[in-house]
Amino acid sequence: MWLADKWKDFELIDCSRGEKLERWGGEILVRPDPQAIWDTPREHPGWQRHSARYTRSSSGGGSWEKHRLPESWQISYGELVFNVKPMNFKHTGLFPEQSANWDFISDKIRGAGRPVSVLNLFAYTGAATAAAAAAGASVCHVDAAKGMVSWARENARASGLSEKPIRWIIDDCVKFVEREIRRGKRYDALIMDPPSYGRGPSGEIWKFEDNIFPFVKLCADVLSDDPCFVIINSYTTGISPSALTYIGETVFTKRFGGRGISEELGIPVTVSGLALPCGASYRWEK
């Protein structure tokens, strides 16, 4: 498991009975988590004295019960600064477990000994974009949601990265990659964080199980002849890390050499000293 264990502004305090207790800067949140299937005692006082709790509705969706929560606030990870904003579907705009990948991205770019161009697909609020740009890469950030791209630009400004070479693209990722290939544009590194299910700006349907392999094959054609690294993230239930390895190895290792490996991502739990699993990630490097 790749652990996100270098946080100071975020802490997974406890998790039990389908919920997790988290500290985001100075705010304490309770949010659902389907992985927390154990029934352990909730002895930490934060369970009773939280800033807000997200509760699922029996009819679908859910809502925040806010006690003293601001609309937004900032937290830091090293030199990176992120704007946290509780959203309608339990999310905050940031996945803290991905910090394990931000460290990998930074190390690979700083150690490359050459300029590195990065394509970040399904790029959400731009944490990986910020990590890559701060390490010295030029980045193309692509997401179909205009609001997410605007949020990503806010995060880049907060991190002092406004003048860095970042292209901000609002587009369907598949169509964008197809156009880049036709234009002869190539990148040295690829990051993708595809959803389990989604729709593009023109109603395009994305389903991870059906679309991930052909999309990964397509993306191999947008990489340079000497690529630096690839990251594929998955939060799709039933897709194991080994499945990501099989996909990546049959595409990237077969074509470019190097090696790839997949692991669960995890966050240390303060109360128990154990780790909560939080999706899977594949990393390929030359």
C-alpha atoms as a PDB file:
ATOM      1  CA  MET A   1       0.000   0.000   0.000  1.00  0.00           C
ATOM      2  CA  TRP A   2       1.191   3.515  -0.852  1.00  0.00           C
ATOM      3  CA  LEU A   3       0.501   5.614   2.231  1.00  0.00           C
ATOM      4  CA  ALA A   4      -0.307   9.315   2.290  1.00  0.00           C
ATOM      5  CA  ASP A   5       1.623   9.765   5.528  1.00  0.00           C
ATOM      6  CA  LYS A   6       3.275  13.186   5.176  1.00  0.00           C
ATOM      7  CA  TRP A   7       0.287  15.427   5.863  1.00  0.00           C
ATOM      8  CA  LYS A   8       0.297  18.150   8.527  1.00  0.00           C
ATOM      9  CA  ASP A   9      -2.917  20.010   7.576  1.00  0.00           C
ATOM     10  CA  PHE A  10      -4.995  16.848   7.094  1.00  0.00           C
ATOM     11  CA  GLU A  11      -5.560  13.931   9.459  1.00  0.00           C
ATOM     12  CA  LEU A  12      -7.741  10.838   9.305  1.00  0.00           C
ATOM     13  CA  ILE A  13      -8.526  10.666  13.002  1.00  0.00           C
ATOM     14  CA  ASP A  14     -10.792   7.613  13.097  1.00  0.00           C
ATOM     15  CA  CYS A  15     -13.160   5.511  10.976  1.00  0.00           C
ATOM     16  CA  SER A  16     -15.982   3.167  11.961  1.00  0.00           C
ATOM     17  CA  ARG A  17     -19.498   2.045  10.949  1.00  0.00           C
ATOM     18  CA  GLY A  18     -19.285   3.403   7.423  1.00  0.00           C
ATOM     19  CA  GLU A  19     -17.974   6.845   8.360  1.00  0.00           C
ATOM     20  CA  LYS A  20     -14.628   8.585   8.792  1.00  0.00           C
ATOM     21  CA  LEU A  21     -13.616  11.395  11.138  1.00  0.00           C
ATOM     22  CA  GLU A  22     -11.202  13.826   9.503  1.00  0.00           C
ATOM     23  CA  ARG A  23      -9.351  17.018  10.333  1.00  0.00           C
ATOM     24  CA  TRP A  24      -9.045  19.445   7.426  1.00  0.00           C
ATOM     25  CA  GLY A  25      -6.902  22.251   8.778  1.00  0.00           C
ATOM     26  CA  GLY A  26      -8.906  23.521  11.736  1.00  0.00           C
ATOM     27  CA  GLU A  27     -12.189  21.904  10.696  1.00  0.00           C
ATOM     28  CA  ILE A  28     -13.430  18.458  11.777  1.00  0.00           C
ATOM     29  CA  LEU A  29     -15.624  16.629   9.244  1.00  0.00           C
ATOM     30  CA  VAL A  30     -17.560  13.360   9.393  1.00  0.00           C
ATOM     31  CA  ARG A  31     -18.099  11.794   5.970  1.00  0.00           C
ATOM     32  CA  PRO A  32     -19.345   8.428   4.672  1.00  0.00           C
ATOM     33  CA  ASP A  33     -16.809   5.818   3.615  1.00  0.00           C
ATOM     34  CA  PRO A  34     -17.940   2.399   2.349  1.00  0.00           C
ATOM     35  CA  GLN A  35     -14.581   0.800   3.214  1.00  0.00           C
ATOM     36  CA  ALA A  36     -15.040   1.392   6.949  1.00  0.00           C
ATOM     37  CA  ILE A  37     -17.112  -1.765   7.488  1.00  0.00           C
ATOM     38  CA  TRP A  38     -15.867  -2.406  11.044  1.00  0.00           C
ATOM     39  CA  ASP A  39     -17.741  -1.483  14.223  1.00  0.00           C
ATOM     40  CA  THR A  40     -15.051  -0.077  16.506  1.00  0.00           C
ATOM     41  CA  PRO A  41     -15.681   2.233  19.487  1.00  0.00           C
ATOM     42  CA  ARG A  42     -16.065   5.929  18.649  1.00  0.00           C
ATOM     43  CA  GLU A  43     -14.206   7.294  21.645  1.00  0.00           C
ATOM     44  CA  HIS A  44     -12.565  10.343  20.056  1.00  0.00           C
ATOM     45  CA  PRO A  45     -14.424  13.556  21.064  1.00  0.00           C
ATOM     46  CA  GLY A  46     -14.486  14.711  17.434  1.00  0.00           C
ATOM     47  CA  TRP A  47     -17.326  12.299  16.727  1.00  0.00           C
ATOM     48  CA  GLN A  48     -19.533  14.512  18.908  1.00  0.00           C
ATOM     49  CA  ARG A  49     -17.845  17.896  18.361  1.00  0.00           C
ATOM     50  CA  HIS A  50     -17.399  18.085  14.587  1.00  0.00           C
ATOM     51  CA  SER A  51     -17.736  21.119  12.315  1.00  0.00           C
ATOM     52  CA  ALA A  52     -20.008  19.300   9.865  1.00  0.00           C
ATOM     53  CA  ARG A  53     -21.341  15.864   8.982  1.00  0.00           C
ATOM     54  CA  TYR A  54     -22.466  14.569   5.605  1.00  0.00           C
ATOM     55  CA  THR A  55     -25.458  12.251   5.901  1.00  0.00           C
ATOM     56  CA  ARG A  56     -26.763  10.113   3.089  1.00  0.00           C
ATOM     57  CA  SER A  57     -30.470  10.200   2.277  1.00  0.00           C
ATOM     58  CA  SER A  58     -32.525   7.006   2.048  1.00  0.00           C
ATOM     59  CA  SER A  59     -33.826   8.272  -1.315  1.00  0.00           C
ATOM     60  CA  GLY A  60     -30.319   8.881  -2.702  1.00  0.00           C
ATOM     61  CA  GLY A  61     -27.815  11.682  -2.407  1.00  0.00           C
ATOM     62  CA  GLY A  62     -27.439  13.385   0.936  1.00  0.00           C
ATOM     63  CA  SER A  63     -26.659  16.695   2.627  1.00  0.00           C
ATOM     64  CA  TRP A  64     -24.283  18.464   4.994  1.00  0.00           C
ATOM     65  CA  GLU A  65     -25.299  19.210   8.549  1.00  0.00           C
ATOM     66  CA  LYS A  66     -23.092  22.200   9.282  1.00  0.00           C
ATOM     67  CA  HIS A  67     -22.438  23.523  12.769  1.00  0.00           C
ATOM     68  CA  ARG A  68     -19.660  26.065  12.277  1.00  0.00           C
ATOM     69  CA  LEU A  69     -18.227  25.378   8.825  1.00  0.00           C
ATOM     70  CA  PRO A  70     -17.023  28.126   6.449  1.00  0.00           C
ATOM     71  CA  GLU A  71     -17.922  27.983   2.764  1.00  0.00           C
ATOM     72  CA  SER A  72     -14.265  27.390   1.918  1.00  0.00           C
ATOM     73  CA  TRP A  73     -10.828  27.428   3.557  1.00  0.00           C
ATOM     74  CA  GLN A  74      -7.264  26.514   2.659  1.00  0.00           C
ATOM     75  CA  ILE A  75      -4.940  23.685   3.631  1.00  0.00           C
ATOM     76  CA  SER A  76      -1.334  23.090   2.612  1.00  0.00           C
ATOM     77  CA  TYR A  77       0.765  20.119   1.565  1.00  0.00           C
ATOM     78  CA  GLY A  78       4.374  21.217   1.511  1.00  0.00           C
ATOM     79  CA  GLU A  79       4.551  24.154  -0.910  1.00  0.00           C
ATOM     80  CA  LEU A  80       1.109  23.388  -2.376  1.00  0.00           C
ATOM     81  CA  VAL A  81      -2.021  25.206  -1.184  1.00  0.00           C
ATOM     82  CA  PHE A  82      -5.550  23.933  -1.841  1.00  0.00           C
ATOM     83  CA  ASN A  83      -8.990  25.482  -1.476  1.00  0.00           C
ATOM     84  CA  VAL A  84     -11.320  23.120   0.385  1.00  0.00           C
ATOM     85  CA  LYS A  85     -15.037  23.476  -0.365  1.00  0.00           C
ATOM     86  CA  PRO A  86     -17.598  20.934   0.888  1.00  0.00           C
ATOM     87  CA  MET A  87     -19.693  19.867  -2.107  1.00  0.00           C
ATOM     88  CA  ASN A  88     -23.188  18.439  -2.484  1.00  0.00           C
ATOM     89  CA  PHE A  89     -21.973  14.847  -2.868  1.00  0.00           C
ATOM     90  CA  LYS A  90     -19.788  14.531   0.275  1.00  0.00           C
ATOM     91  CA  HIS A  91     -16.599  15.630  -1.526  1.00  0.00           C
ATOM     92  CA  THR A  92     -14.302  18.493  -0.528  1.00  0.00           C
ATOM     93  CA  GLY A  93     -12.450  19.018  -3.818  1.00  0.00           C
ATOM     94  CA  LEU A  94      -9.393  17.097  -2.685  1.00  0.00           C
ATOM     95  CA  PHE A  95      -8.448  13.438  -2.254  1.00  0.00           C
ATOM     96  CA  PRO A  96      -5.729  13.422   0.441  1.00  0.00           C
ATOM     97  CA  GLU A  97      -4.616   9.860  -0.353  1.00  0.00           C
ATOM     98  CA  GLN A  98      -3.356  11.147  -3.708  1.00  0.00           C
ATOM     99  CA  SER A  99      -0.505  12.955  -1.933  1.00  0.00           C
ATOM    100  CA  ALA A 100       1.434   9.693  -2.277  1.00  0.00           C
ATOM    101  CA  ASN A 101       1.233  10.210  -6.037  1.00  0.00           C
ATOM    102  CA  TRP A 102       2.054  13.923  -5.816  1.00  0.00           C
ATOM    103  CA  ASP A 103       5.346  12.953  -4.164  1.00  0.00           C
ATOM    104  CA  PHE A 104       6.047  10.423  -6.932  1.00  0.00           C
ATOM    105  CA  ILE A 105       5.237  13.021  -9.608  1.00  0.00           C
ATOM    106  CA  SER A 106       7.522  15.594  -8.016  1.00  0.00           C
ATOM    107  CA  ASP A 107      10.398  13.144  -7.619  1.00  0.00           C
ATOM    108  CA  LYS A 108      10.182  11.905 -11.213  1.00  0.00           C
ATOM    109  CA  ILE A 109      10.063  15.413 -12.702  1.00  0.00           C
ATOM    110  CA  ARG A 110      12.850  16.820 -10.531  1.00  0.00           C
ATOM    111  CA  GLY A 111      15.001  13.779 -11.237  1.00  0.00           C
ATOM    112  CA  ALA A 112      14.408  13.649 -14.988  1.00  0.00           C
ATOM    113  CA  GLY A 113      17.347  15.911 -15.867  1.00  0.00           C
ATOM    114  CA  ARG A 114      15.379  17.353 -18.789  1.00  0.00           C
ATOM    115  CA  PRO A 115      12.208  19.353 -19.461  1.00  0.00           C
ATOM    116  CA  VAL A 116       9.081  17.269 -18.856  1.00  0.00           C
ATOM    117  CA  SER A 117       5.658  17.918 -20.382  1.00  0.00           C
ATOM    118  CA  VAL A 118       2.715  16.402 -18.502  1.00  0.00           C
ATOM    119  CA  LEU A 119      -0.807  15.620 -19.697  1.00  0.00           C
ATOM    120  CA  ASN A 120      -3.264  15.453 -16.783  1.00  0.00           C
ATOM    121  CA  LEU A 121      -6.615  13.944 -17.822  1.00  0.00           C
ATOM    122  CA  PHE A 122      -9.839  13.964 -15.784  1.00  0.00           C
ATOM    123  CA  ALA A 123      -7.769  16.457 -13.828  1.00  0.00           C
ATOM    124  CA  TYR A 124     -10.485  17.580 -11.380  1.00  0.00           C
ATOM    125  CA  THR A 125      -9.353  20.457  -9.096  1.00  0.00           C
ATOM    126  CA  GLY A 126      -5.756  20.210 -10.192  1.00  0.00           C
ATOM    127  CA  ALA A 127      -3.769  18.864  -7.249  1.00  0.00           C
ATOM    128  CA  ALA A 128      -1.592  16.701  -9.528  1.00  0.00           C
ATOM    129  CA  THR A 129      -1.316  19.624 -11.957  1.00  0.00           C
ATOM    130  CA  ALA A 130      -0.012  21.822  -9.139  1.00  0.00           C
ATOM    131  CA  ALA A 131       2.455  19.143  -7.988  1.00  0.00           C
ATOM    132  CA  ALA A 132       3.825  18.732 -11.520  1.00  0.00           C
ATOM    133  CA  ALA A 133       4.060  22.470 -12.212  1.00  0.00           C
ATOM    134  CA  ALA A 134       5.739  23.161  -8.863  1.00  0.00           C
ATOM    135  CA  ALA A 135       8.346  20.513  -9.728  1.00  0.00           C
ATOM    136  CA  GLY A 136       9.159  22.319 -12.979  1.00  0.00           C
ATOM    137  CA  ALA A 137       7.037  20.598 -15.629  1.00  0.00           C
ATOM    138  CA  SER A 138       4.841  22.165 -18.263  1.00  0.00           C
ATOM    139  CA  VAL A 139       1.317  20.824 -17.794  1.00  0.00           C
ATOM    140  CA  CYS A 140      -1.804  20.421 -19.909  1.00  0.00           C
ATOM    141  CA  HIS A 141      -4.784  20.159 -17.526  1.00  0.00           C
ATOM    142  CA  VAL A 142      -7.953  18.667 -19.066  1.00  0.00           C
ATOM    143  CA  ASP A 143     -11.382  18.221 -17.488  1.00  0.00           C
ATOM    144  CA  ALA A 144     -14.882  18.301 -18.950  1.00  0.00           C
ATOM    145  CA  ALA A 145     -16.337  20.365 -16.076  1.00  0.00           C
ATOM    146  CA  LYS A 146     -15.846  24.120 -16.333  1.00  0.00           C
ATOM    147  CA  GLY A 147     -16.309  24.561 -12.587  1.00  0.00           C
ATOM    148  CA  MET A 148     -13.565  22.057 -11.795  1.00  0.00           C
ATOM    149  CA  VAL A 149     -11.111  23.764 -14.132  1.00  0.00           C
ATOM    150  CA  SER A 150     -11.905  27.118 -12.502  1.00  0.00           C
ATOM    151  CA  TRP A 151     -11.292  25.558  -9.084  1.00  0.00           C
ATOM    152  CA  ALA A 152      -7.998  24.095 -10.332  1.00  0.00           C
ATOM    153  CA  ARG A 153      -6.900  27.549 -11.455  1.00  0.00           C
ATOM    154  CA  GLU A 154      -7.751  28.878  -7.985  1.00  0.00           C
ATOM    155  CA  ASN A 155      -5.533  26.186  -6.469  1.00  0.00           C
ATOM    156  CA  ALA A 156      -2.699  27.055  -8.835  1.00  0.00           C
ATOM    157  CA  ARG A 157      -2.961  30.729  -7.845  1.00  0.00           C
ATOM    158  CA  ALA A 158      -3.042  29.816  -4.152  1.00  0.00           C
ATOM    159  CA  SER A 159       0.147  27.784  -4.657  1.00  0.00           C
ATOM    160  CA  GLY A 160       1.896  30.649  -6.453  1.00  0.00           C
ATOM    161  CA  LEU A 161       1.840  28.839  -9.795  1.00  0.00           C
ATOM    162  CA  SER A 162      -0.119  31.321 -11.927  1.00  0.00           C
ATOM    163  CA  GLU A 163       2.895  32.116 -14.101  1.00  0.00           C
ATOM    164  CA  LYS A 164       3.885  28.490 -14.641  1.00  0.00           C
ATOM    165  CA  PRO A 165       3.349  26.921 -18.107  1.00  0.00           C
ATOM    166  CA  ILE A 166      -0.099  25.358 -17.561  1.00  0.00           C
ATOM    167  CA  ARG A 167      -2.720  24.966 -20.296  1.00  0.00           C
ATOM    168  CA  TRP A 168      -6.278  24.871 -18.946  1.00  0.00           C
ATOM    169  CA  ILE A 169      -8.584  22.840 -21.201  1.00  0.00           C
ATOM    170  CA  ILE A 170     -12.332  22.267 -20.778  1.00  0.00           C
ATOM    171  CA  ASP A 171     -13.082  19.283 -22.997  1.00  0.00           C
ATOM    172  CA  ASP A 172     -14.018  15.627 -23.187  1.00  0.00           C
ATOM    173  CA  CYS A 173     -10.762  13.787 -22.484  1.00  0.00           C
ATOM    174  CA  VAL A 174     -11.161  11.175 -25.224  1.00  0.00           C
ATOM    175  CA  LYS A 175     -11.853  13.768 -27.913  1.00  0.00           C
ATOM    176  CA  PHE A 176      -9.026  15.970 -26.703  1.00  0.00           C
ATOM    177  CA  VAL A 177      -6.477  13.130 -26.842  1.00  0.00           C
ATOM    178  CA  GLU A 178      -7.665  12.154 -30.330  1.00  0.00           C
ATOM    179  CA  ARG A 179      -7.115  15.744 -31.513  1.00  0.00           C
ATOM    180  CA  GLU A 180      -3.685  15.978 -29.894  1.00  0.00           C
ATOM    181  CA  ILE A 181      -2.631  12.788 -31.677  1.00  0.00           C
ATOM    182  CA  ARG A 182      -3.820  14.177 -35.021  1.00  0.00           C
ATOM    183  CA  ARG A 183      -1.926  17.415 -34.335  1.00  0.00           C
ATOM    184  CA  GLY A 184       1.244  15.471 -33.571  1.00  0.00           C
ATOM    185  CA  LYS A 185       1.424  16.775 -30.001  1.00  0.00           C
ATOM    186  CA  ARG A 186       3.325  14.510 -27.607  1.00  0.00           C
ATOM    187  CA  TYR A 187       3.851  14.476 -23.833  1.00  0.00           C
ATOM    188  CA  ASP A 188       6.542  13.004 -21.610  1.00  0.00           C
ATOM    189  CA  ALA A 189       4.211  11.998 -18.773  1.00  0.00           C
ATOM    190  CA  LEU A 190       0.587  11.028 -18.404  1.00  0.00           C
ATOM    191  CA  ILE A 191      -1.723  11.239 -15.378  1.00  0.00           C
ATOM    192  CA  MET A 192      -5.339  10.109 -15.484  1.00  0.00           C
ATOM    193  CA  ASP A 193      -7.992   9.958 -12.790  1.00  0.00           C
ATOM    194  CA  PRO A 194     -11.059   8.676 -14.651  1.00  0.00           C
ATOM    195  CA  PRO A 195     -14.448   8.415 -12.933  1.00  0.00           C
ATOM    196  CA  SER A 196     -16.345   5.173 -12.476  1.00  0.00           C
ATOM    197  CA  TYR A 197     -19.158   6.705 -14.487  1.00  0.00           C
ATOM    198  CA  GLY A 198     -19.578  10.084 -16.101  1.00  0.00           C
ATOM    199  CA  ARG A 199     -20.857  12.187 -18.963  1.00  0.00           C
ATOM    200  CA  GLY A 200     -18.887  14.532 -21.175  1.00  0.00           C
ATOM    201  CA  PRO A 201     -19.984  18.077 -22.105  1.00  0.00           C
ATOM    202  CA  SER A 202     -21.917  16.766 -25.124  1.00  0.00           C
ATOM    203  CA  GLY A 203     -23.488  13.799 -23.341  1.00  0.00           C
ATOM    204  CA  GLU A 204     -20.642  11.340 -23.962  1.00  0.00           C
ATOM    205  CA  ILE A 205     -20.950   8.392 -21.581  1.00  0.00           C
ATOM    206  CA  TRP A 206     -17.909   7.099 -19.711  1.00  0.00           C
ATOM    207  CA  LYS A 207     -18.013   3.754 -17.886  1.00  0.00           C
ATOM    208  CA  PHE A 208     -14.701   2.662 -16.386  1.00  0.00           C
ATOM    209  CA  GLU A 209     -15.024  -1.077 -17.055  1.00  0.00           C
ATOM    210  CA  ASP A 210     -15.940  -0.536 -20.708  1.00  0.00           C
ATOM    211  CA  ASN A 211     -13.779   2.440 -21.607  1.00  0.00           C
ATOM    212  CA  ILE A 212     -10.544   2.306 -19.645  1.00  0.00           C
ATOM    213  CA  PHE A 213      -8.600  -0.181 -21.783  1.00  0.00           C
ATOM    214  CA  PRO A 214      -9.311   1.404 -25.196  1.00  0.00           C
ATOM    215  CA  PHE A 215      -8.642   4.822 -23.687  1.00  0.00           C
ATOM    216  CA  VAL A 216      -5.288   3.733 -22.230  1.00  0.00           C
ATOM    217  CA  LYS A 217      -4.313   2.271 -25.633  1.00  0.00           C
ATOM    218  CA  LEU A 218      -5.257   5.572 -27.257  1.00  0.00           C
ATOM    219  CA  CYS A 219      -3.202   7.557 -24.752  1.00  0.00           C
ATOM    220  CA  ALA A 220      -0.067   5.563 -25.552  1.00  0.00           C
ATOM    221  CA  ASP A 221      -0.057   7.368 -28.903  1.00  0.00           C
ATOM    222  CA  VAL A 222       0.099  10.786 -27.248  1.00  0.00           C
ATOM    223  CA  LEU A 223       3.292   9.922 -25.327  1.00  0.00           C
ATOM    224  CA  SER A 224       6.730  10.899 -26.582  1.00  0.00           C
ATOM    225  CA  ASP A 225       9.260   8.310 -27.737  1.00  0.00           C
ATOM    226  CA  ASP A 226      11.030   8.511 -24.365  1.00  0.00           C
ATOM    227  CA  PRO A 227       8.279   8.988 -21.778  1.00  0.00           C
ATOM    228  CA  CYS A 228       9.040   9.582 -18.117  1.00  0.00           C
ATOM    229  CA  PHE A 229       6.049   8.170 -16.209  1.00  0.00           C
ATOM    230  CA  VAL A 230       2.359   7.239 -16.272  1.00  0.00           C
ATOM    231  CA  ILE A 231      -0.179   7.245 -13.430  1.00  0.00           C
ATOM    232  CA  ILE A 232      -3.652   5.689 -13.655  1.00  0.00           C
ATOM    233  CA  ASN A 233      -6.004   6.049 -10.683  1.00  0.00           C
ATOM    234  CA  SER A 234      -9.142   4.027 -10.010  1.00  0.00           C
ATOM    235  CA  TYR A 235     -11.891   4.393  -7.434  1.00  0.00           C
ATOM    236  CA  THR A 236     -14.156   1.924  -9.207  1.00  0.00           C
ATOM    237  CA  THR A 237     -15.525  -0.840  -6.989  1.00  0.00           C
ATOM    238  CA  GLY A 238     -14.396  -4.285  -8.084  1.00  0.00           C
ATOM    239  CA  ILE A 239     -11.346  -3.104 -10.058  1.00  0.00           C
ATOM    240  CA  SER A 240      -8.294  -4.483  -8.275  1.00  0.00           C
ATOM    241  CA  PRO A 241      -4.782  -3.003  -8.406  1.00  0.00           C
ATOM    242  CA  SER A 242      -3.711  -6.105 -10.338  1.00  0.00           C
ATOM    243  CA  ALA A 243      -6.222  -5.300 -13.068  1.00  0.00           C
ATOM    244  CA  LEU A 244      -4.636  -1.872 -13.486  1.00  0.00           C
ATOM    245  CA  THR A 245      -1.200  -3.507 -13.681  1.00  0.00           C
ATOM    246  CA  TYR A 246      -2.401  -5.878 -16.403  1.00  0.00           C
ATOM    247  CA  ILE A 247      -3.776  -2.972 -18.451  1.00  0.00           C
ATOM    248  CA  GLY A 248      -0.693  -0.820 -18.007  1.00  0.00           C
ATOM    249  CA  GLU A 249       1.819  -3.550 -18.673  1.00  0.00           C
ATOM    250  CA  THR A 250       0.123  -4.702 -21.869  1.00  0.00           C
ATOM    251  CA  VAL A 251       0.142  -1.137 -23.182  1.00  0.00           C
ATOM    252  CA  PHE A 252       3.043   0.904 -21.763  1.00  0.00           C
ATOM    253  CA  THR A 253       5.653  -1.692 -20.791  1.00  0.00           C
ATOM    254  CA  LYS A 254       5.099  -3.647 -24.013  1.00  0.00           C
ATOM    255  CA  ARG A 255       5.620  -0.512 -26.080  1.00  0.00           C
ATOM    256  CA  PHE A 256       8.175   1.503 -24.106  1.00  0.00           C
ATOM    257  CA  GLY A 257       9.909  -0.990 -21.829  1.00  0.00           C
ATOM    258  CA  GLY A 258      10.415   0.083 -18.253  1.00  0.00           C
ATOM    259  CA  ARG A 259       8.179  -1.326 -15.551  1.00  0.00           C
ATOM    260  CA  GLY A 260       4.857  -0.729 -13.865  1.00  0.00           C
ATOM    261  CA  ILE A 261       3.315  -1.587 -10.530  1.00  0.00           C
ATOM    262  CA  SER A 262      -0.051  -1.034  -8.856  1.00  0.00           C
ATOM    263  CA  GLU A 263      -0.952  -0.686  -5.198  1.00  0.00           C
ATOM    264  CA  GLU A 264      -3.805   0.380  -3.001  1.00  0.00           C
ATOM    265  CA  LEU A 265      -3.656   3.962  -1.806  1.00  0.00           C
ATOM    266  CA  GLY A 266      -4.153   4.419   1.914  1.00  0.00           C
ATOM    267  CA  ILE A 267      -4.307   6.975   4.706  1.00  0.00           C
ATOM    268  CA  PRO A 268      -3.006   6.259   8.236  1.00  0.00           C
ATOM    269  CA  VAL A 269      -5.697   6.307  10.933  1.00  0.00           C
ATOM    270  CA  THR A 270      -4.536   8.110  14.062  1.00  0.00           C
ATOM    271  CA  VAL A 271      -6.697   6.279  16.600  1.00  0.00           C
ATOM    272  CA  SER A 272      -5.921   2.718  15.473  1.00  0.00           C
ATOM    273  CA  GLY A 273      -2.500   3.073  13.860  1.00  0.00           C
ATOM    274  CA  LEU A 274      -3.855   1.142  10.867  1.00  0.00           C
ATOM    275  CA  ALA A 275      -4.612   2.407   7.351  1.00  0.00           C
ATOM    276  CA  LEU A 276      -7.869   3.037   5.511  1.00  0.00           C
ATOM    277  CA  PRO A 277      -7.770   1.816   1.872  1.00  0.00           C
ATOM    278  CA  CYS A 278      -8.728   4.546  -0.595  1.00  0.00           C
ATOM    279  CA  GLY A 279      -8.726   3.263  -4.160  1.00  0.00           C
ATOM    280  CA  ALA A 280      -5.893   1.983  -6.330  1.00  0.00           C
ATOM    281  CA  SER A 281      -3.173   3.460  -8.502  1.00  0.00           C
ATOM    282  CA  TYR A 282      -0.857   2.221 -11.263  1.00  0.00           C
ATOM    283  CA  ARG A 283       2.564   3.770 -11.856  1.00  0.00           C
ATOM    284  CA  TRP A 284       4.703   3.090 -14.874  1.00  0.00           C
ATOM    285  CA  GLU A 285       8.217   4.485 -15.190  1.00  0.00           C
ATOM    286  CA  LYS A 286      10.958   4.095 -17.772  1.00  0.00           C
END
